[in-house]
PDB file of N, CA and C in Angstrom:
ATOM      1  N   UNK A   1     189.648 -36.853 -72.041  1.00  0.00           N
ATOM      2  CA  UNK A   1     190.706 -36.571 -71.127  1.00  0.00           C
ATOM      3  C   UNK A   1     190.648 -35.200 -70.630  1.00  0.00           C
ATOM      4  N   UNK A   2     190.254 -34.190 -71.434  1.00  0.00           N
ATOM      5  CA  UNK A   2     190.194 -32.824 -71.110  1.00  0.00           C
ATOM      6  C   UNK A   2     189.011 -32.606 -70.144  1.00  0.00           C
ATOM      7  N   UNK A   3     187.924 -33.416 -70.216  1.00  0.00           N
ATOM      8  CA  UNK A   3     186.825 -33.391 -69.411  1.00  0.00           C
ATOM      9  C   UNK A   3     187.173 -33.935 -67.877  1.00  0.00           C
ATOM     10  N   UNK A   4     188.108 -34.895 -67.898  1.00  0.00           N
ATOM     11  CA  UNK A   4     188.478 -35.467 -66.635  1.00  0.00           C
ATOM     12  C   UNK A   4     189.721 -34.800 -66.048  1.00  0.00           C
ATOM     13  N   UNK A   5     190.468 -34.046 -66.789  1.00  0.00           N
ATOM     14  CA  UNK A   5     191.708 -33.413 -66.212  1.00  0.00           C
ATOM     15  C   UNK A   5     191.897 -32.039 -66.932  1.00  0.00           C
ATOM     16  N   UNK A   6     191.044 -31.112 -66.545  1.00  0.00           N
ATOM     17  CA  UNK A   6     191.084 -29.742 -67.099  1.00  0.00           C
ATOM     18  C   UNK A   6     192.380 -29.038 -66.544  1.00  0.00           C
ATOM     19  N   UNK A   7     192.866 -29.501 -65.534  1.00  0.00           N
ATOM     20  CA  UNK A   7     194.162 -28.853 -64.961  1.00  0.00           C
ATOM     21  C   UNK A   7     195.349 -29.232 -65.897  1.00  0.00           C
ATOM     22  N   UNK A   8     195.195 -30.273 -66.667  1.00  0.00           N
ATOM     23  CA  UNK A   8     196.267 -30.688 -67.625  1.00  0.00           C
ATOM     24  C   UNK A   8     196.132 -30.196 -69.148  1.00  0.00           C
ATOM     25  N   UNK A   9     194.845 -29.960 -69.477  1.00  0.00           N
ATOM     26  CA  UNK A   9     194.545 -29.651 -70.869  1.00  0.00           C
ATOM     27  C   UNK A   9     193.998 -28.167 -70.964  1.00  0.00           C
ATOM     28  N   UNK A  10     194.663 -27.547 -71.848  1.00  0.00           N
ATOM     29  CA  UNK A  10     194.214 -26.036 -72.156  1.00  0.00           C
ATOM     30  C   UNK A  10     193.273 -26.084 -73.284  1.00  0.00           C
ATOM     31  N   UNK A  11     193.328 -27.009 -74.177  1.00  0.00           N
ATOM     32  CA  UNK A  11     192.414 -27.050 -75.307  1.00  0.00           C
ATOM     33  C   UNK A  11     192.332 -28.492 -75.967  1.00  0.00           C
ATOM     34  N   UNK A  12     191.288 -28.536 -76.761  1.00  0.00           N
ATOM     35  CA  UNK A  12     190.993 -29.758 -77.386  1.00  0.00           C
ATOM     36  C   UNK A  12     190.958 -29.503 -78.831  1.00  0.00           C
ATOM     37  N   UNK A  13     191.649 -30.317 -79.732  1.00  0.00           N
ATOM     38  CA  UNK A  13     191.575 -30.188 -81.112  1.00  0.00           C
ATOM     39  C   UNK A  13     190.980 -31.491 -81.673  1.00  0.00           C
ATOM     40  N   UNK A  14     189.774 -31.460 -82.137  1.00  0.00           N
ATOM     41  CA  UNK A  14     189.169 -32.690 -82.645  1.00  0.00           C
ATOM     42  C   UNK A  14     188.784 -32.523 -84.107  1.00  0.00           C
ATOM     43  N   UNK A  15     189.679 -33.099 -84.965  1.00  0.00           N
ATOM     44  CA  UNK A  15     189.559 -33.047 -86.322  1.00  0.00           C
ATOM     45  C   UNK A  15     188.866 -34.495 -86.888  1.00  0.00           C
ATOM     46  N   UNK A  16     187.890 -34.263 -87.517  1.00  0.00           N
ATOM     47  CA  UNK A  16     186.953 -35.376 -87.979  1.00  0.00           C
ATOM     48  C   UNK A  16     186.678 -36.314 -86.777  1.00  0.00           C
ATOM     49  N   UNK A  17     186.002 -35.750 -85.865  1.00  0.00           N
ATOM     50  CA  UNK A  17     185.700 -36.475 -84.620  1.00  0.00           C
ATOM     51  C   UNK A  17     184.729 -37.534 -85.015  1.00  0.00           C
ATOM     52  N   UNK A  18     185.033 -38.749 -84.631  1.00  0.00           N
ATOM     53  CA  UNK A  18     184.232 -39.912 -85.126  1.00  0.00           C
ATOM     54  C   UNK A  18     183.352 -40.654 -84.016  1.00  0.00           C
ATOM     55  N   UNK A  19     183.750 -40.562 -82.716  1.00  0.00           N
ATOM     56  CA  UNK A  19     183.006 -41.411 -81.823  1.00  0.00           C
ATOM     57  C   UNK A  19     181.628 -40.884 -81.532  1.00  0.00           C
ATOM     58  N   UNK A  20     180.690 -41.814 -81.442  1.00  0.00           N
ATOM     59  CA  UNK A  20     179.192 -41.567 -81.229  1.00  0.00           C
ATOM     60  C   UNK A  20     178.844 -41.624 -79.738  1.00  0.00           C
ATOM     61  N   UNK A  21     179.579 -42.375 -78.980  1.00  0.00           N
ATOM     62  CA  UNK A  21     179.134 -42.617 -77.623  1.00  0.00           C
ATOM     63  C   UNK A  21     179.089 -41.316 -76.793  1.00  0.00           C
ATOM     64  N   UNK A  22     178.332 -41.297 -75.807  1.00  0.00           N
ATOM     65  CA  UNK A  22     178.075 -40.078 -74.949  1.00  0.00           C
ATOM     66  C   UNK A  22     179.465 -39.622 -74.363  1.00  0.00           C
ATOM     67  N   UNK A  23     179.575 -38.343 -74.437  1.00  0.00           N
ATOM     68  CA  UNK A  23     180.795 -37.759 -73.906  1.00  0.00           C
ATOM     69  C   UNK A  23     180.580 -36.504 -73.103  1.00  0.00           C
ATOM     70  N   UNK A  24     181.342 -36.305 -72.107  1.00  0.00           N
ATOM     71  CA  UNK A  24     181.218 -35.186 -71.305  1.00  0.00           C
ATOM     72  C   UNK A  24     181.854 -33.930 -71.861  1.00  0.00           C
ATOM     73  N   UNK A  25     181.365 -32.790 -71.759  1.00  0.00           N
ATOM     74  CA  UNK A  25     181.911 -31.597 -72.214  1.00  0.00           C
ATOM     75  C   UNK A  25     183.156 -31.316 -71.335  1.00  0.00           C
ATOM     76  N   UNK A  26     184.179 -30.682 -71.830  1.00  0.00           N
ATOM     77  CA  UNK A  26     185.334 -30.340 -70.967  1.00  0.00           C
ATOM     78  C   UNK A  26     184.987 -29.105 -70.108  1.00  0.00           C
ATOM     79  N   UNK A  27     185.697 -28.754 -69.171  1.00  0.00           N
ATOM     80  CA  UNK A  27     185.611 -27.647 -68.277  1.00  0.00           C
ATOM     81  C   UNK A  27     185.508 -26.446 -69.304  1.00  0.00           C
ATOM     82  N   UNK A  28     184.662 -25.439 -68.888  1.00  0.00           N
ATOM     83  CA  UNK A  28     184.412 -24.339 -69.683  1.00  0.00           C
ATOM     84  C   UNK A  28     185.684 -23.522 -70.052  1.00  0.00           C
ATOM     85  N   UNK A  29     186.776 -23.716 -69.254  1.00  0.00           N
ATOM     86  CA  UNK A  29     187.987 -22.948 -69.426  1.00  0.00           C
ATOM     87  C   UNK A  29     188.827 -23.644 -70.512  1.00  0.00           C
ATOM     88  N   UNK A  30     188.459 -24.864 -70.890  1.00  0.00           N
ATOM     89  CA  UNK A  30     189.251 -25.652 -71.895  1.00  0.00           C
ATOM     90  C   UNK A  30     188.524 -25.262 -73.311  1.00  0.00           C
ATOM     91  N   UNK A  31     189.368 -24.589 -74.232  1.00  0.00           N
ATOM     92  CA  UNK A  31     188.913 -24.184 -75.461  1.00  0.00           C
ATOM     93  C   UNK A  31     188.802 -25.409 -76.458  1.00  0.00           C
ATOM     94  N   UNK A  32     187.853 -25.515 -77.284  1.00  0.00           N
ATOM     95  CA  UNK A  32     187.592 -26.636 -78.178  1.00  0.00           C
ATOM     96  C   UNK A  32     187.511 -26.166 -79.630  1.00  0.00           C
ATOM     97  N   UNK A  33     188.299 -26.766 -80.409  1.00  0.00           N
ATOM     98  CA  UNK A  33     188.331 -26.673 -81.923  1.00  0.00           C
ATOM     99  C   UNK A  33     187.954 -28.039 -82.472  1.00  0.00           C
ATOM    100  N   UNK A  34     186.907 -27.997 -83.342  1.00  0.00           N
ATOM    101  CA  UNK A  34     186.477 -29.208 -84.019  1.00  0.00           C
ATOM    102  C   UNK A  34     186.127 -28.841 -85.445  1.00  0.00           C
ATOM    103  N   UNK A  35     186.319 -29.882 -86.256  1.00  0.00           N
ATOM    104  CA  UNK A  35     185.981 -29.615 -87.668  1.00  0.00           C
ATOM    105  C   UNK A  35     185.690 -30.940 -88.381  1.00  0.00           C
ATOM    106  N   UNK A  36     185.106 -30.683 -89.531  1.00  0.00           N
ATOM    107  CA  UNK A  36     184.765 -31.841 -90.414  1.00  0.00           C
ATOM    108  C   UNK A  36     184.472 -31.302 -91.808  1.00  0.00           C
ATOM    109  N   UNK A  37     184.513 -32.217 -92.748  1.00  0.00           N
ATOM    110  CA  UNK A  37     184.197 -31.821 -94.157  1.00  0.00           C
ATOM    111  C   UNK A  37     182.839 -32.249 -94.532  1.00  0.00           C
ATOM    112  N   UNK A  38     182.240 -31.632 -95.496  1.00  0.00           N
ATOM    113  CA  UNK A  38     180.927 -31.691 -96.011  1.00  0.00           C
ATOM    114  C   UNK A  38     180.654 -33.148 -96.502  1.00  0.00           C
ATOM    115  N   UNK A  39     181.794 -33.840 -97.065  1.00  0.00           N
ATOM    116  CA  UNK A  39     181.601 -35.051 -97.783  1.00  0.00           C
ATOM    117  C   UNK A  39     181.833 -36.237 -96.727  1.00  0.00           C
ATOM    118  N   UNK A  40     182.118 -36.003 -95.464  1.00  0.00           N
ATOM    119  CA  UNK A  40     182.250 -37.006 -94.424  1.00  0.00           C
ATOM    120  C   UNK A  40     181.093 -36.843 -93.461  1.00  0.00           C
ATOM    121  N   UNK A  41     179.921 -37.254 -93.936  1.00  0.00           N
ATOM    122  CA  UNK A  41     178.707 -36.934 -93.156  1.00  0.00           C
ATOM    123  C   UNK A  41     178.633 -37.391 -91.729  1.00  0.00           C
ATOM    124  N   UNK A  42     179.160 -38.665 -91.426  1.00  0.00           N
ATOM    125  CA  UNK A  42     179.183 -39.151 -90.084  1.00  0.00           C
ATOM    126  C   UNK A  42     180.072 -38.238 -89.125  1.00  0.00           C
ATOM    127  N   UNK A  43     181.235 -37.803 -89.631  1.00  0.00           N
ATOM    128  CA  UNK A  43     182.108 -36.968 -88.930  1.00  0.00           C
ATOM    129  C   UNK A  43     181.614 -35.648 -88.822  1.00  0.00           C
ATOM    130  N   UNK A  44     180.953 -35.121 -89.791  1.00  0.00           N
ATOM    131  CA  UNK A  44     180.254 -33.856 -89.739  1.00  0.00           C
ATOM    132  C   UNK A  44     179.161 -33.855 -88.606  1.00  0.00           C
ATOM    133  N   UNK A  45     178.318 -34.845 -88.576  1.00  0.00           N
ATOM    134  CA  UNK A  45     177.272 -34.821 -87.532  1.00  0.00           C
ATOM    135  C   UNK A  45     177.828 -34.960 -86.120  1.00  0.00           C
ATOM    136  N   UNK A  46     178.889 -35.695 -85.864  1.00  0.00           N
ATOM    137  CA  UNK A  46     179.445 -35.854 -84.566  1.00  0.00           C
ATOM    138  C   UNK A  46     180.179 -34.535 -84.097  1.00  0.00           C
ATOM    139  N   UNK A  47     180.858 -33.963 -85.121  1.00  0.00           N
ATOM    140  CA  UNK A  47     181.564 -32.678 -84.856  1.00  0.00           C
ATOM    141  C   UNK A  47     180.593 -31.598 -84.412  1.00  0.00           C
ATOM    142  N   UNK A  48     179.480 -31.595 -85.101  1.00  0.00           N
ATOM    143  CA  UNK A  48     178.416 -30.583 -84.942  1.00  0.00           C
ATOM    144  C   UNK A  48     177.765 -30.821 -83.542  1.00  0.00           C
ATOM    145  N   UNK A  49     177.564 -32.111 -83.189  1.00  0.00           N
ATOM    146  CA  UNK A  49     176.873 -32.441 -81.841  1.00  0.00           C
ATOM    147  C   UNK A  49     177.871 -32.075 -80.784  1.00  0.00           C
ATOM    148  N   UNK A  50     179.155 -32.325 -80.897  1.00  0.00           N
ATOM    149  CA  UNK A  50     180.138 -32.030 -79.902  1.00  0.00           C
ATOM    150  C   UNK A  50     180.249 -30.487 -79.734  1.00  0.00           C
ATOM    151  N   UNK A  51     180.238 -29.657 -80.772  1.00  0.00           N
ATOM    152  CA  UNK A  51     180.262 -28.315 -80.649  1.00  0.00           C
ATOM    153  C   UNK A  51     179.154 -27.757 -79.963  1.00  0.00           C
ATOM    154  N   UNK A  52     177.916 -28.330 -80.199  1.00  0.00           N
ATOM    155  CA  UNK A  52     176.759 -27.897 -79.402  1.00  0.00           C
ATOM    156  C   UNK A  52     176.771 -28.267 -77.967  1.00  0.00           C
ATOM    157  N   UNK A  53     177.316 -29.456 -77.575  1.00  0.00           N
ATOM    158  CA  UNK A  53     177.425 -29.792 -76.260  1.00  0.00           C
ATOM    159  C   UNK A  53     178.373 -28.875 -75.433  1.00  0.00           C
ATOM    160  N   UNK A  54     179.594 -28.521 -76.102  1.00  0.00           N
ATOM    161  CA  UNK A  54     180.492 -27.592 -75.479  1.00  0.00           C
ATOM    162  C   UNK A  54     179.860 -26.240 -75.291  1.00  0.00           C
ATOM    163  N   UNK A  55     179.242 -25.803 -76.283  1.00  0.00           N
ATOM    164  CA  UNK A  55     178.575 -24.468 -76.224  1.00  0.00           C
ATOM    165  C   UNK A  55     177.529 -24.431 -75.105  1.00  0.00           C
ATOM    166  N   UNK A  56     176.737 -25.484 -75.076  1.00  0.00           N
ATOM    167  CA  UNK A  56     175.680 -25.636 -74.078  1.00  0.00           C
ATOM    168  C   UNK A  56     176.251 -25.543 -72.628  1.00  0.00           C
ATOM    169  N   UNK A  57     177.387 -26.178 -72.528  1.00  0.00           N
ATOM    170  CA  UNK A  57     178.094 -26.197 -71.174  1.00  0.00           C
ATOM    171  C   UNK A  57     178.754 -25.012 -70.742  1.00  0.00           C
ATOM    172  N   UNK A  58     178.731 -23.862 -71.719  1.00  0.00           N
ATOM    173  CA  UNK A  58     179.358 -22.647 -71.416  1.00  0.00           C
ATOM    174  C   UNK A  58     180.779 -22.491 -71.890  1.00  0.00           C
ATOM    175  N   UNK A  59     181.183 -23.492 -72.593  1.00  0.00           N
ATOM    176  CA  UNK A  59     182.668 -23.511 -73.172  1.00  0.00           C
ATOM    177  C   UNK A  59     182.763 -22.631 -74.410  1.00  0.00           C
ATOM    178  N   UNK A  60     184.028 -22.426 -74.693  1.00  0.00           N
ATOM    179  CA  UNK A  60     184.386 -21.650 -75.938  1.00  0.00           C
ATOM    180  C   UNK A  60     184.664 -22.638 -77.054  1.00  0.00           C
ATOM    181  N   UNK A  61     184.028 -22.725 -78.102  1.00  0.00           N
ATOM    182  CA  UNK A  61     184.229 -23.679 -79.243  1.00  0.00           C
ATOM    183  C   UNK A  61     184.204 -23.087 -80.594  1.00  0.00           C
ATOM    184  N   UNK A  62     185.000 -23.510 -81.496  1.00  0.00           N
ATOM    185  CA  UNK A  62     185.002 -23.153 -82.860  1.00  0.00           C
ATOM    186  C   UNK A  62     184.745 -24.479 -83.703  1.00  0.00           C
ATOM    187  N   UNK A  63     183.680 -24.426 -84.396  1.00  0.00           N
ATOM    188  CA  UNK A  63     183.410 -25.532 -85.394  1.00  0.00           C
ATOM    189  C   UNK A  63     183.647 -25.070 -86.802  1.00  0.00           C
ATOM    190  N   UNK A  64     184.411 -25.775 -87.541  1.00  0.00           N
ATOM    191  CA  UNK A  64     184.814 -25.374 -88.956  1.00  0.00           C
ATOM    192  C   UNK A  64     184.240 -26.516 -89.813  1.00  0.00           C
ATOM    193  N   UNK A  65     183.344 -26.065 -90.746  1.00  0.00           N
ATOM    194  CA  UNK A  65     182.917 -27.048 -91.771  1.00  0.00           C
ATOM    195  C   UNK A  65     183.440 -26.552 -93.114  1.00  0.00           C
ATOM    196  N   UNK A  66     184.191 -27.519 -93.755  1.00  0.00           N
ATOM    197  CA  UNK A  66     184.723 -27.213 -95.020  1.00  0.00           C
ATOM    198  C   UNK A  66     184.368 -28.241 -96.160  1.00  0.00           C
ATOM    199  N   UNK A  67     184.358 -27.782 -97.315  1.00  0.00           N
ATOM    200  CA  UNK A  67     183.988 -28.677 -98.361  1.00  0.00           C
ATOM    201  C   UNK A  67     185.191 -29.595 -98.616  1.00  0.00           C
ATOM    202  N   UNK A  68     184.862 -30.847 -98.720  1.00  0.00           N
ATOM    203  CA  UNK A  68     185.924 -31.898 -98.893  1.00  0.00           C
ATOM    204  C   UNK A  68     185.627 -33.135 -98.231  1.00  0.00           C
ATOM    205  N   UNK A  69     186.566 -34.048 -98.264  1.00  0.00           N
ATOM    206  CA  UNK A  69     186.499 -35.309 -97.612  1.00  0.00           C
ATOM    207  C   UNK A  69     187.558 -35.565 -96.519  1.00  0.00           C
ATOM    208  N   UNK A  70     187.554 -36.774 -96.154  1.00  0.00           N
ATOM    209  CA  UNK A  70     188.632 -37.124 -95.029  1.00  0.00           C
ATOM    210  C   UNK A  70     189.967 -37.092 -95.653  1.00  0.00           C
ATOM    211  N   UNK A  71     190.639 -35.973 -95.470  1.00  0.00           N
ATOM    212  CA  UNK A  71     191.753 -35.614 -96.317  1.00  0.00           C
ATOM    213  C   UNK A  71     192.862 -35.021 -95.417  1.00  0.00           C
ATOM    214  N   UNK A  72     194.050 -35.606 -95.470  1.00  0.00           N
ATOM    215  CA  UNK A  72     195.255 -35.121 -94.759  1.00  0.00           C
ATOM    216  C   UNK A  72     195.688 -33.647 -95.043  1.00  0.00           C
ATOM    217  N   UNK A  73     195.575 -33.297 -96.330  1.00  0.00           N
ATOM    218  CA  UNK A  73     195.907 -31.995 -96.710  1.00  0.00           C
ATOM    219  C   UNK A  73     195.116 -30.923 -96.121  1.00  0.00           C
ATOM    220  N   UNK A  74     193.737 -31.176 -95.840  1.00  0.00           N
ATOM    221  CA  UNK A  74     192.966 -30.214 -95.220  1.00  0.00           C
ATOM    222  C   UNK A  74     193.302 -30.105 -93.796  1.00  0.00           C
ATOM    223  N   UNK A  75     193.592 -31.318 -93.066  1.00  0.00           N
ATOM    224  CA  UNK A  75     194.051 -31.195 -91.689  1.00  0.00           C
ATOM    225  C   UNK A  75     195.338 -30.538 -91.525  1.00  0.00           C
ATOM    226  N   UNK A  76     196.332 -30.737 -92.375  1.00  0.00           N
ATOM    227  CA  UNK A  76     197.559 -29.891 -92.319  1.00  0.00           C
ATOM    228  C   UNK A  76     197.326 -28.451 -92.485  1.00  0.00           C
ATOM    229  N   UNK A  77     196.380 -28.060 -93.352  1.00  0.00           N
ATOM    230  CA  UNK A  77     196.009 -26.623 -93.608  1.00  0.00           C
ATOM    231  C   UNK A  77     195.422 -26.050 -92.293  1.00  0.00           C
ATOM    232  N   UNK A  78     194.466 -26.868 -91.721  1.00  0.00           N
ATOM    233  CA  UNK A  78     193.688 -26.337 -90.598  1.00  0.00           C
ATOM    234  C   UNK A  78     194.401 -26.416 -89.221  1.00  0.00           C
ATOM    235  N   UNK A  79     195.399 -27.358 -89.060  1.00  0.00           N
ATOM    236  CA  UNK A  79     195.986 -27.483 -87.713  1.00  0.00           C
ATOM    237  C   UNK A  79     196.595 -26.200 -87.133  1.00  0.00           C
ATOM    238  N   UNK A  80     197.362 -25.402 -87.810  1.00  0.00           N
ATOM    239  CA  UNK A  80     197.965 -24.322 -87.282  1.00  0.00           C
ATOM    240  C   UNK A  80     196.971 -23.255 -86.665  1.00  0.00           C
ATOM    241  N   UNK A  81     195.850 -23.084 -87.308  1.00  0.00           N
ATOM    242  CA  UNK A  81     194.741 -22.200 -86.853  1.00  0.00           C
ATOM    243  C   UNK A  81     194.118 -22.835 -85.566  1.00  0.00           C
ATOM    244  N   UNK A  82     193.979 -24.119 -85.639  1.00  0.00           N
ATOM    245  CA  UNK A  82     193.339 -24.749 -84.537  1.00  0.00           C
ATOM    246  C   UNK A  82     194.276 -24.677 -83.160  1.00  0.00           C
ATOM    247  N   UNK A  83     195.563 -24.764 -83.430  1.00  0.00           N
ATOM    248  CA  UNK A  83     196.504 -24.503 -82.267  1.00  0.00           C
ATOM    249  C   UNK A  83     196.428 -23.106 -81.736  1.00  0.00           C
ATOM    250  N   UNK A  84     196.379 -22.157 -82.685  1.00  0.00           N
ATOM    251  CA  UNK A  84     196.319 -20.769 -82.216  1.00  0.00           C
ATOM    252  C   UNK A  84     194.931 -20.608 -81.517  1.00  0.00           C
ATOM    253  N   UNK A  85     193.897 -21.153 -82.037  1.00  0.00           N
ATOM    254  CA  UNK A  85     192.638 -20.933 -81.229  1.00  0.00           C
ATOM    255  C   UNK A  85     192.581 -21.492 -79.843  1.00  0.00           C
ATOM    256  N   UNK A  86     193.077 -22.764 -79.736  1.00  0.00           N
ATOM    257  CA  UNK A  86     193.033 -23.218 -78.426  1.00  0.00           C
ATOM    258  C   UNK A  86     193.969 -22.743 -77.398  1.00  0.00           C
ATOM    259  N   UNK A  87     195.036 -22.114 -77.863  1.00  0.00           N
ATOM    260  CA  UNK A  87     196.024 -21.535 -77.044  1.00  0.00           C
ATOM    261  C   UNK A  87     195.858 -20.039 -76.766  1.00  0.00           C
ATOM    262  N   UNK A  88     194.789 -19.460 -77.630  1.00  0.00           N
ATOM    263  CA  UNK A  88     194.534 -18.064 -77.355  1.00  0.00           C
ATOM    264  C   UNK A  88     193.888 -17.714 -75.944  1.00  0.00           C
ATOM    265  N   UNK A  89     194.442 -16.695 -75.404  1.00  0.00           N
ATOM    266  CA  UNK A  89     193.788 -16.200 -74.012  1.00  0.00           C
ATOM    267  C   UNK A  89     193.548 -14.798 -74.120  1.00  0.00           C
TER     268      UNK A  89
END
């Protein structure tokens, strides 16, 4: 949605991004935060690929890789920093 409507989205937070289908990078003005854990290999590879796509398109991206698995506690810990990152100007 951020790729289709950059006028509505200031940032993207993609925690444990799972979809594999081709995706368009958002507008370079839309900041992207994505993360995955080392024990969720599928999510880790798609988050890494998405971060590379955003960077290649000239966007600002932060990729966080943390030791762990698909875990609500890690997301809760990471979410405040993700919000600060995407809203930072």
